Protein backbone atom coordinates (compact mmCIF):
# COMPACT_ATOMS: atom_id res chain seq x y z
CA MET A 1 0.05 -0.08 0.06
CA SER A 2 1.71 3.67 -0.85
CA ALA A 3 1.75 6.22 1.49
CA TYR A 4 -0.43 8.00 -0.09
CA LEU A 5 -3.45 5.60 0.75
CA ASN A 6 -1.72 4.78 4.35
CA THR A 7 -3.55 7.39 6.06
CA ALA A 8 -7.34 6.13 5.67
CA ALA A 9 -6.23 2.39 5.81
CA THR A 10 -4.61 2.77 9.20
CA ALA A 11 -7.62 4.85 10.39
CA LEU A 12 -10.11 2.19 9.35
CA GLU A 13 -7.85 -0.91 10.87
CA ALA A 14 -7.38 1.00 13.97
CA SER A 15 -11.31 0.99 14.33
CA ALA A 16 -11.41 -2.96 14.19
CA ASP A 17 -10.60 -3.95 17.53
CA ALA A 18 -9.78 -7.69 17.49
CA ASP A 19 -12.46 -9.45 19.28
CA PRO A 20 -9.90 -11.29 22.00
CA ALA A 21 -10.23 -15.37 22.51
CA CYS A 22 -12.90 -16.20 24.94
CA SER A 23 -14.98 -18.66 25.87
CA GLY A 24 -18.06 -16.58 25.38
CA PRO A 25 -20.14 -15.74 22.17
CA LEU A 26 -18.74 -13.29 19.89
CA PRO A 27 -20.82 -10.12 20.03
CA VAL A 28 -23.39 -10.13 16.68
CA LEU A 29 -25.44 -8.03 15.69
CA GLY A 30 -29.44 -7.92 16.82
CA ARG A 31 -27.96 -9.66 20.02
CA ASP A 32 -30.75 -7.15 21.92
CA VAL A 33 -33.73 -7.22 19.76
CA ARG A 34 -36.80 -7.72 21.68
CA VAL A 35 -39.82 -9.81 20.00
CA PRO A 36 -43.44 -9.69 21.14
CA LEU A 37 -45.14 -13.13 22.12
CA VAL A 38 -48.21 -13.68 20.93
CA THR A 39 -49.02 -14.91 24.74
CA GLY A 40 -48.36 -10.96 26.11
CA GLY A 41 -45.15 -9.34 26.58
CA GLU A 42 -41.75 -9.35 25.08
CA VAL A 43 -38.20 -11.84 24.81
CA THR A 44 -35.11 -10.80 23.75
CA TYR A 45 -34.83 -12.97 20.18
CA ALA A 46 -33.41 -16.37 20.00
CA ALA A 47 -32.08 -16.51 16.61
CA LEU A 48 -31.25 -20.02 15.93
CA ASP A 49 -31.39 -20.20 12.61
CA TYR A 50 -27.58 -19.72 11.34
CA ALA A 51 -27.80 -22.42 9.01
CA ALA A 52 -30.06 -20.15 6.94
CA SER A 53 -27.98 -17.07 7.33
CA ALA A 54 -25.96 -16.01 10.25
CA PRO A 55 -25.96 -12.53 12.32
CA ALA A 56 -23.59 -10.02 11.36
CA LEU A 57 -20.69 -10.24 13.66
CA GLN A 58 -20.51 -6.56 15.60
CA ARG A 59 -16.94 -6.29 14.38
CA VAL A 60 -17.86 -6.79 10.77
CA TRP A 61 -20.50 -4.17 10.72
CA ASP A 62 -18.13 -1.78 12.97
CA ASP A 63 -15.85 -2.29 9.78
CA VAL A 64 -18.12 -1.93 7.18
CA ALA A 65 -19.44 1.21 8.87
CA ALA A 66 -15.90 2.69 8.99
CA TYR A 67 -15.11 1.67 5.85
CA ALA A 68 -18.79 3.32 4.31
CA PRO A 69 -17.82 6.89 4.04
CA TYR A 70 -14.62 6.01 1.93
CA TYR A 71 -16.79 3.89 -0.47
CA GLY A 72 -15.72 4.33 -4.20
CA SER A 73 -15.84 2.38 -7.14
CA VAL A 74 -13.12 -0.25 -7.75
CA HIS A 75 -10.29 -0.52 -10.52
CA ARG A 76 -9.10 2.12 -12.87
CA GLY A 77 -10.62 5.06 -10.52
CA ALA A 78 -8.30 7.91 -10.27
CA GLY A 79 -9.96 9.60 -7.20
CA TYR A 80 -8.55 9.00 -3.70
CA LEU A 81 -11.60 6.97 -2.81
CA SER A 82 -11.27 4.54 -5.59
CA GLN A 83 -7.95 3.92 -5.54
CA LEU A 84 -8.34 3.27 -1.57
CA SER A 85 -11.53 1.01 -2.39
CA THR A 86 -9.59 -0.86 -4.83
CA ASP A 87 -6.47 -1.39 -2.30
CA LEU A 88 -8.99 -2.52 0.26
CA PHE A 89 -11.12 -5.03 -2.03
CA GLU A 90 -7.62 -6.68 -3.24
CA ASN A 91 -6.23 -7.15 0.39
CA ALA A 92 -9.82 -8.70 0.97
CA ARG A 93 -8.56 -11.16 -1.57
CA ARG A 94 -5.24 -11.70 -0.21
CA THR A 95 -7.44 -12.27 3.53
CA VAL A 96 -9.68 -15.13 2.14
CA GLU A 97 -6.73 -16.62 0.57
CA GLU A 98 -4.92 -16.49 4.05
CA PHE A 99 -8.18 -18.00 5.50
CA LEU A 100 -8.53 -20.73 2.94
CA ASP A 101 -5.02 -21.84 3.23
CA CYS A 102 -4.92 -21.48 -0.88
CA ARG A 103 -1.99 -22.53 -3.03
CA ASP A 104 0.43 -19.86 -4.45
CA ASP A 105 -1.39 -20.36 -7.64
CA ASP A 106 -4.58 -20.45 -6.93
CA GLN A 107 -7.17 -17.76 -7.51
CA VAL A 108 -10.02 -16.15 -5.45
CA VAL A 109 -13.32 -15.00 -7.06
CA PHE A 110 -15.53 -12.65 -5.69
CA THR A 111 -19.00 -14.08 -6.30
CA ARG A 112 -22.88 -13.37 -4.75
CA SER A 113 -22.98 -16.89 -2.57
CA THR A 114 -22.27 -20.65 -2.57
CA THR A 115 -24.51 -21.40 -5.31
CA ASP A 116 -23.08 -18.48 -7.86
CA SER A 117 -20.10 -19.97 -6.75
CA LEU A 118 -20.98 -23.38 -8.25
CA ASN A 119 -22.75 -22.04 -10.97
CA LEU A 120 -19.99 -20.28 -12.28
CA LEU A 121 -17.68 -23.20 -11.86
CA ALA A 122 -20.19 -25.13 -13.58
CA GLN A 123 -19.92 -22.88 -16.46
CA THR A 124 -16.09 -23.72 -16.48
CA LEU A 125 -16.07 -27.23 -16.68
CA PRO A 126 -14.06 -29.13 -19.69
CA ALA A 127 -15.75 -30.73 -22.74
CA ASP A 128 -17.47 -34.20 -21.87
CA CYS A 129 -16.87 -33.44 -18.41
CA GLN A 130 -18.57 -36.07 -15.81
CA VAL A 131 -19.78 -34.83 -12.40
CA PHE A 132 -20.60 -36.56 -9.46
CA VAL A 133 -22.49 -35.62 -6.58
CA PHE A 134 -24.31 -36.92 -3.73
CA GLU A 135 -28.19 -37.25 -3.01
CA THR A 136 -27.40 -35.57 0.02
CA GLU A 137 -26.38 -32.24 -0.89
CA HIS A 138 -27.68 -29.12 -0.98
CA HIS A 139 -29.59 -27.60 -3.98
CA ALA A 140 -26.64 -25.03 -4.40
CA SER A 141 -24.20 -28.14 -4.85
CA LEU A 142 -27.13 -30.81 -6.51
CA LEU A 143 -28.34 -28.39 -9.31
CA PRO A 144 -25.87 -26.27 -10.97
CA TRP A 145 -24.68 -28.83 -13.57
CA ARG A 146 -27.43 -28.67 -16.46
CA ASP A 147 -24.74 -28.81 -19.18
CA ALA A 148 -22.89 -32.08 -17.84
CA ARG A 149 -23.43 -35.46 -17.62
CA VAL A 150 -24.16 -35.71 -13.64
CA THR A 151 -24.52 -39.28 -11.58
CA TYR A 152 -26.21 -38.84 -8.41
CA LEU A 153 -24.99 -41.08 -5.85
CA ASN A 154 -27.25 -42.47 -2.99
CA ALA A 155 -27.07 -41.34 0.42
CA PRO A 156 -24.28 -43.43 2.28
CA ARG A 157 -24.59 -44.09 5.85
CA THR A 158 -21.31 -43.92 7.22
CA PRO A 159 -18.22 -41.80 6.02
CA GLY A 160 -16.46 -44.78 4.69
CA GLU A 161 -19.60 -45.93 2.67
CA ALA A 162 -19.12 -42.29 1.35
CA VAL A 163 -15.77 -42.89 -0.21
CA GLN A 164 -16.10 -46.33 -1.13
CA THR A 165 -19.30 -45.31 -3.58
CA LEU A 166 -17.24 -42.58 -4.96
CA GLU A 167 -14.47 -44.87 -5.85
CA ARG A 168 -16.62 -47.27 -7.50
CA ALA A 169 -18.56 -44.44 -9.56
CA LEU A 170 -15.11 -43.03 -10.86
CA ALA A 171 -13.62 -46.07 -11.74
CA ASP A 172 -16.57 -47.48 -13.75
CA ARG A 173 -17.12 -44.14 -15.58
CA ASP A 174 -17.54 -44.65 -18.96
CA PRO A 175 -15.71 -42.47 -20.66
CA TYR A 176 -13.09 -42.33 -18.37
CA GLY A 177 -12.28 -38.36 -19.32
CA PRO A 178 -12.54 -35.42 -17.18
CA ALA A 179 -14.40 -35.59 -13.86
CA LEU A 180 -15.54 -33.31 -11.22
CA VAL A 181 -16.86 -34.31 -7.44
CA CYS A 182 -18.86 -31.95 -5.59
CA VAL A 183 -19.42 -32.63 -1.87
CA THR A 184 -20.05 -30.46 1.01
CA GLY A 185 -17.98 -30.08 4.28
CA ALA A 186 -20.52 -30.37 6.46
CA SER A 187 -24.46 -31.08 6.27
CA ASN A 188 -27.03 -28.14 6.01
CA VAL A 189 -29.32 -30.51 7.55
CA THR A 190 -27.61 -32.88 9.98
CA GLY A 191 -24.67 -30.80 10.74
CA GLU A 192 -22.49 -34.07 10.28
CA LEU A 193 -18.63 -33.55 8.87
CA TRP A 194 -18.19 -35.23 5.59
CA PRO A 195 -14.75 -36.96 5.27
CA VAL A 196 -13.10 -34.53 2.73
CA ARG A 197 -9.86 -35.32 2.61
CA GLU A 198 -10.35 -38.88 2.14
CA LEU A 199 -13.13 -38.14 -0.63
CA ALA A 200 -10.52 -35.94 -2.26
CA ALA A 201 -7.76 -38.66 -2.16
CA ALA A 202 -10.17 -40.86 -4.02
CA ALA A 203 -11.16 -38.22 -6.53
CA HIS A 204 -7.70 -37.29 -7.38
CA ALA A 205 -6.61 -41.14 -7.54
CA HIS A 206 -9.56 -42.05 -10.24
CA GLY A 207 -8.13 -38.71 -12.44
CA ALA A 208 -11.00 -36.21 -10.82
CA ARG A 209 -11.19 -32.74 -9.34
CA ILE A 210 -13.27 -31.79 -6.41
CA VAL A 211 -14.84 -28.92 -4.77
CA LEU A 212 -15.60 -28.25 -1.37
CA ASP A 213 -18.91 -26.85 -0.71
CA ALA A 214 -17.92 -25.48 2.50
CA ALA A 215 -20.99 -22.91 3.12
CA GLN A 216 -21.55 -24.90 6.71
CA LEU A 217 -18.24 -25.96 7.44
CA ALA A 218 -16.44 -22.18 7.05
CA PRO A 219 -18.57 -20.15 9.75
CA HIS A 220 -17.27 -23.46 12.17
CA HIS A 221 -14.20 -24.95 11.35
CA PRO A 222 -11.15 -23.78 9.74
CA VAL A 223 -10.80 -24.70 6.27
CA SER A 224 -7.30 -25.58 4.64
CA VAL A 225 -7.28 -26.08 0.82
CA GLN A 226 -4.05 -27.61 1.04
CA GLU A 227 -4.59 -30.09 4.14
CA LEU A 228 -7.77 -31.24 2.50
CA ASP A 229 -6.41 -30.85 -0.90
CA VAL A 230 -9.32 -30.06 -2.51
CA ASP A 231 -9.26 -28.28 -6.15
CA TRP A 232 -11.67 -25.47 -5.18
CA VAL A 233 -13.63 -24.16 -2.18
CA ALA A 234 -17.02 -22.23 -2.39
CA PHE A 235 -18.63 -20.58 0.68
CA SER A 236 -21.22 -17.51 1.38
CA GLY A 237 -20.57 -14.54 3.40
CA HIS A 238 -24.02 -14.24 4.70
CA LYS A 239 -23.41 -17.86 6.63
CA LEU A 240 -20.02 -16.31 7.71
CA TYR A 241 -21.53 -13.42 9.68
CA ALA A 242 -20.92 -11.13 6.71
CA PRO A 243 -24.69 -10.64 5.25
CA PHE A 244 -23.79 -8.16 2.82
CA GLY A 245 -24.33 -9.91 -0.45
CA SER A 246 -21.02 -11.86 -1.63
CA GLY A 247 -19.43 -15.03 -1.70
CA VAL A 248 -16.39 -16.83 -2.98
CA LEU A 249 -15.02 -19.74 -5.13
CA ALA A 250 -11.23 -20.05 -4.77
CA GLY A 251 -9.24 -22.73 -6.18
CA ARG A 252 -7.17 -23.56 -9.13
CA ALA A 253 -7.01 -21.19 -11.97
CA ASP A 254 -6.79 -23.42 -15.39
CA TRP A 255 -10.25 -24.31 -15.65
CA LEU A 256 -11.36 -20.43 -14.85
CA GLN A 257 -8.87 -18.99 -17.45
CA ASP A 258 -9.80 -21.28 -20.34
CA ALA A 259 -13.57 -20.66 -19.87
CA GLU A 260 -15.68 -18.18 -21.26
CA PRO A 261 -16.41 -15.34 -18.89
CA TYR A 262 -19.15 -16.15 -16.25
CA LEU A 263 -20.64 -13.08 -17.30
CA ALA A 264 -19.76 -10.62 -19.99
CA GLY A 265 -19.06 -6.90 -19.35
CA GLY A 266 -16.77 -4.35 -18.23
CA GLY A 267 -14.18 -5.47 -15.89
CA ALA A 268 -13.87 -9.00 -17.06
CA SER A 269 -12.54 -7.75 -20.51
CA LYS A 270 -9.08 -6.34 -20.84
CA SER A 271 -9.22 -4.62 -24.53
CA VAL A 272 -12.37 -4.31 -26.96
CA ALA A 273 -11.93 -3.29 -30.67
CA ARG A 274 -13.71 -2.98 -33.57
CA ARG A 275 -13.21 -5.30 -36.50
CA THR A 276 -13.10 -4.40 -40.00
CA ASP A 277 -16.04 -6.40 -40.59
CA GLY A 278 -18.45 -4.65 -38.29
CA GLY A 279 -17.59 -6.67 -35.27
CA VAL A 280 -15.45 -6.73 -32.29
CA ASP A 281 -12.62 -8.73 -30.73
CA VAL A 282 -12.41 -9.01 -27.05
CA GLU A 283 -9.44 -10.04 -24.89
CA TRP A 284 -10.75 -11.16 -21.75
CA HIS A 285 -8.45 -10.89 -18.13
CA THR A 286 -6.93 -14.12 -17.10
CA THR A 287 -6.86 -13.16 -13.53
CA ALA A 288 -9.85 -13.31 -11.19
CA ALA A 289 -11.47 -10.35 -12.79
CA ARG A 290 -12.33 -12.46 -15.64
CA HIS A 291 -15.50 -14.09 -14.10
CA GLU A 292 -16.22 -10.70 -11.74
CA ALA A 293 -17.65 -8.46 -14.91
CA GLY A 294 -19.31 -5.31 -13.51
CA SER A 295 -19.00 -3.14 -10.41
CA PRO A 296 -17.81 -5.23 -7.95
CA ASN A 297 -19.70 -5.71 -4.40
CA VAL A 298 -16.68 -4.12 -2.50
CA ILE A 299 -18.59 -3.92 0.89
CA GLY A 300 -19.41 -7.15 0.63
CA ALA A 301 -15.89 -8.37 -0.33
CA TYR A 302 -14.76 -6.02 2.51
CA SER A 303 -17.15 -8.00 5.08
CA ILE A 304 -15.91 -11.47 3.89
CA ALA A 305 -12.46 -10.17 4.53
CA SER A 306 -13.15 -8.58 7.98
CA ALA A 307 -15.38 -12.22 8.96
CA CYS A 308 -12.16 -14.24 8.44
CA LYS A 309 -10.33 -12.24 10.45
CA ALA A 310 -12.65 -11.91 13.42
CA LEU A 311 -12.88 -15.69 13.46
CA THR A 312 -9.21 -16.47 13.12
CA GLU A 313 -8.04 -14.02 15.63
CA ALA A 314 -11.00 -15.51 18.01
CA GLY A 315 -9.29 -18.53 17.44
CA PHE A 316 -11.10 -21.38 15.95
CA ASP A 317 -10.06 -23.91 18.77
CA THR A 318 -11.71 -21.58 20.80
CA LEU A 319 -14.93 -21.54 19.06
CA VAL A 320 -15.07 -25.01 18.43
CA ALA A 321 -14.88 -26.36 21.80
CA ARG A 322 -17.48 -24.01 22.84
CA GLU A 323 -19.94 -25.09 19.77
CA GLN A 324 -19.07 -28.42 21.05
CA GLU A 325 -20.60 -27.84 24.39
CA LEU A 326 -23.59 -26.27 22.84
CA ILE A 327 -24.24 -28.97 20.63
CA ALA A 328 -23.97 -31.50 23.75
CA ARG A 329 -26.57 -29.54 25.42
CA VAL A 330 -29.22 -29.38 22.68
CA ARG A 331 -28.72 -33.16 21.89
CA THR A 332 -29.12 -33.75 25.51
CA GLY A 333 -32.04 -32.29 25.93
CA LEU A 334 -33.54 -33.70 22.99
CA ALA A 335 -32.52 -37.03 23.86
CA GLU A 336 -34.70 -36.59 27.41
CA VAL A 337 -37.93 -35.86 25.34
CA PRO A 338 -39.34 -39.38 23.80
CA GLN A 339 -41.42 -38.14 21.08
CA VAL A 340 -38.23 -36.39 19.47
CA LYS A 341 -36.33 -38.33 16.83
CA VAL A 342 -33.14 -36.54 15.63
CA LEU A 343 -31.80 -36.96 11.92
CA SER A 344 -28.71 -38.53 11.14
CA LEU A 345 -27.10 -40.17 8.48
CA PHE A 346 -24.21 -40.98 9.94
CA GLY A 347 -25.01 -41.89 13.65
CA ASP A 348 -25.09 -40.45 16.85
CA ASP A 349 -20.92 -40.76 17.54
CA ALA A 350 -20.29 -39.13 14.14
CA PRO A 351 -18.49 -35.25 14.22
CA ARG A 352 -20.93 -32.41 13.70
CA VAL A 353 -21.26 -28.65 13.77
CA GLY A 354 -23.93 -26.61 15.32
CA VAL A 355 -26.79 -28.03 13.01
CA ILE A 356 -29.97 -30.60 14.38
CA SER A 357 -32.65 -31.31 12.54
CA PHE A 358 -35.39 -33.02 14.11
CA VAL A 359 -39.33 -34.46 13.99
CA VAL A 360 -41.80 -34.82 17.06
CA GLU A 361 -44.29 -37.09 16.93
CA GLY A 362 -47.58 -35.70 16.79
CA TRP A 363 -46.85 -32.78 15.18
CA ASN A 364 -46.07 -31.38 11.66
CA SER A 365 -43.05 -29.53 11.82
CA SER A 366 -44.10 -26.25 10.57
CA HIS A 367 -46.65 -26.28 13.40
CA PHE A 368 -44.02 -27.05 16.09
CA ALA A 369 -41.54 -24.06 14.61
CA ALA A 370 -44.40 -21.18 14.43
CA ALA A 371 -45.36 -21.92 18.15
CA LEU A 372 -41.46 -22.15 18.89
CA SER A 373 -41.17 -18.21 17.48
CA ALA A 374 -44.80 -17.10 18.57
CA GLU A 375 -44.88 -18.40 21.98
CA TYR A 376 -40.96 -18.69 23.23
CA GLY A 377 -39.49 -15.97 20.58
CA ILE A 378 -37.19 -18.79 19.28
CA GLY A 379 -36.46 -18.58 15.14
CA VAL A 380 -35.69 -22.07 13.91
CA ARG A 381 -36.58 -23.16 10.25
CA ASP A 382 -39.04 -25.95 8.76
CA GLY A 383 -39.07 -27.51 5.79
CA LEU A 384 -37.09 -29.53 3.56
CA PHE A 385 -34.19 -26.98 3.95
CA CYS A 386 -33.33 -26.88 -0.12
CA ALA A 387 -32.14 -30.35 0.44
CA HIS A 388 -35.13 -32.35 -0.56
CA PRO A 389 -33.62 -35.76 -1.18
CA LEU A 390 -31.64 -36.01 1.72
CA VAL A 391 -34.37 -35.06 3.86
CA ARG A 392 -36.82 -36.99 1.94
CA THR A 393 -34.42 -40.12 2.59
CA LEU A 394 -33.93 -39.32 6.06
CA LEU A 395 -37.65 -39.28 6.66
CA GLY A 396 -39.04 -41.67 4.33
CA SER A 397 -40.34 -43.88 7.01
CA ASP A 398 -42.12 -40.85 9.21
CA PRO A 399 -45.06 -39.97 7.31
CA GLN A 400 -46.86 -36.83 8.30
CA GLU A 401 -50.95 -36.22 7.53
CA GLN A 402 -51.37 -33.75 4.89
CA GLY A 403 -53.90 -30.74 5.63
CA GLU A 404 -52.06 -30.61 8.73
CA CYS A 405 -51.51 -26.39 9.99
CA GLY A 406 -48.34 -25.51 7.97
CA ALA A 407 -47.64 -29.53 6.26
CA PRO A 408 -46.34 -28.73 3.01
CA GLU A 409 -48.37 -30.08 -0.17
CA ALA A 410 -47.05 -33.23 -1.47
CA ALA A 411 -47.60 -34.52 -4.91
CA PRO A 412 -50.16 -37.35 -5.63
CA GLY A 413 -49.18 -40.90 -3.48
CA GLU A 414 -46.37 -38.72 -1.89
CA LYS A 415 -45.99 -38.53 1.69
CA SER A 416 -46.12 -35.16 3.26
CA LEU A 417 -42.82 -34.61 4.94
CA ASN A 418 -40.99 -31.94 6.82
CA ALA A 419 -38.48 -31.25 9.67
CA ILE A 420 -37.36 -28.85 12.19
CA ARG A 421 -33.47 -27.49 12.24
CA VAL A 422 -32.09 -25.47 14.92
CA SER A 423 -28.75 -24.47 14.30
CA PHE A 424 -26.10 -21.95 16.38
CA GLY A 425 -22.84 -20.65 16.00
CA ALA A 426 -19.95 -18.19 17.23
CA GLY A 427 -22.41 -15.96 18.33
CA THR A 428 -25.07 -17.73 20.27
CA PRO A 429 -25.76 -17.17 24.00
CA ASP A 430 -25.84 -20.19 26.19
CA GLU A 431 -29.46 -18.82 27.10
CA HIS A 432 -30.62 -19.25 23.67
CA VAL A 433 -30.01 -22.79 23.33
CA GLU A 434 -31.06 -23.42 27.18
CA ARG A 435 -34.56 -21.88 26.23
CA PHE A 436 -34.62 -24.28 23.17
CA VAL A 437 -34.41 -27.36 24.99
CA ARG A 438 -37.03 -26.04 27.60
CA ALA A 439 -39.11 -25.01 25.00
CA VAL A 440 -39.22 -28.28 23.33
CA ALA A 441 -40.20 -29.88 26.43
CA GLY A 442 -42.75 -27.86 27.53
CA LEU A 443 -44.39 -28.10 23.86
CA VAL A 444 -44.43 -32.04 23.64
CA ARG A 445 -45.35 -32.00 27.51
CA ASP A 446 -48.18 -29.11 27.21
CA GLY A 447 -49.13 -28.62 23.94
CA ALA A 448 -49.17 -25.03 22.09
CA ARG A 449 -51.04 -22.30 24.36
CA TRP A 450 -52.42 -20.51 20.99
CA ASN A 451 -54.42 -21.55 17.82
CA TYR A 452 -52.68 -21.71 14.71
CA ARG A 453 -53.61 -21.86 11.11
CA THR A 454 -52.43 -21.82 7.65
CA GLN A 455 -51.37 -18.71 5.82
CA ASP A 456 -49.74 -18.53 2.59
CA GLY A 457 -48.56 -21.95 3.07
CA ARG A 458 -47.13 -20.99 6.55
CA CYS A 459 -48.46 -21.98 9.76
CA VAL A 460 -49.12 -18.60 11.54
CA PRO A 461 -51.16 -17.62 15.05
CA ASP A 462 -54.58 -17.59 15.02
CA THR A 463 -55.92 -14.18 15.95
CA SER A 464 -58.68 -15.80 17.15
CA GLY A 465 -56.68 -16.19 20.51
CA ALA A 466 -55.62 -18.98 23.03
CA ALA A 467 -56.05 -22.79 22.32
């Protein structure tokens, strides 16, 4: 950074005091928000839907607020703010490289989300590339490969089975050409960790590459591209405590450089000239800019970098240890309610992050989630979690009656299935998970205290009053 830009940059860095490593939750935005209860009064909102979108870290919000007055368009701007913003944008790229422990020749592309990242990668596949993906994946990993030949692998019941299934599929592929494996690091339904390093070894042994969907892993565990030996990593800022509309695709440059730009436009083009026949010739960038056409989301990229720094400085060992304590509290509390069934692929002893899905005997999950919100001020998620094949597999023997409050519609002959998901992370206070466990036990024991009805496909409190 030049001395010319150093004064403002130093001021921005000084505004972001590191969160010291501690045993408590990291400060997040909205931690003191009060919400009304349908039964009367107010309560501090318990945000337990981190797997969908995590609240912004206070550190991230403060960094963004400090930078906002200095905002300018990046790249090629002659003004001071443009140059400062360009410097921050490119430094954010380097911060992400360090956070992911990328290889020296890897590229970091800023996108809109994990979904956007994997759709970008899908556009770079070489000719005749085959894609292998487990049915257990989030739709962001399951669906982008529309122009490729895709093999969907059945849900494994152990990590070892996952590796064996992949090895057989890769060995038997015909023709034996380029291949890509897409796998999650942590399930967005069960929270279970997948054997990424072993799957990467299997992929490479059979001449395939592998992309890691780290959307649910990166907020909870350190992710090292080099240790896991994956070719690409994708994740979203909004799950990493930086909900400002950006995501990341990081990894090998060759497929990215050889493919047509994901979007055509300014920023991706290095030069454009008219031809004598009236057309245009375009030289595209070979750097990450090739796939970042248009004005980049500087604030989104800067917020991701801020979150990466905050989590690193807080210490993943400390964060993981505390999260495991929260997981144990929730799982122990749910186990004490016989009517609750926790969903799992790999079993109770599988390592996991703070994502737990379950069903309750005698309740539709939408009804139960609505009561948690309206009567206890607890925000969870219900449904199929954008992982329909996985949830249907896990709930295949647990039909729920159609027509019950909030029950999702089913096609003729199909069962109506949904579940409840509670998820938490570095910003979750102990009281939130304790209130959740008490609320589950209370609802199962005593039932809802209010009437509910279906409105626009959602279960909501009935204005007619108490049950």
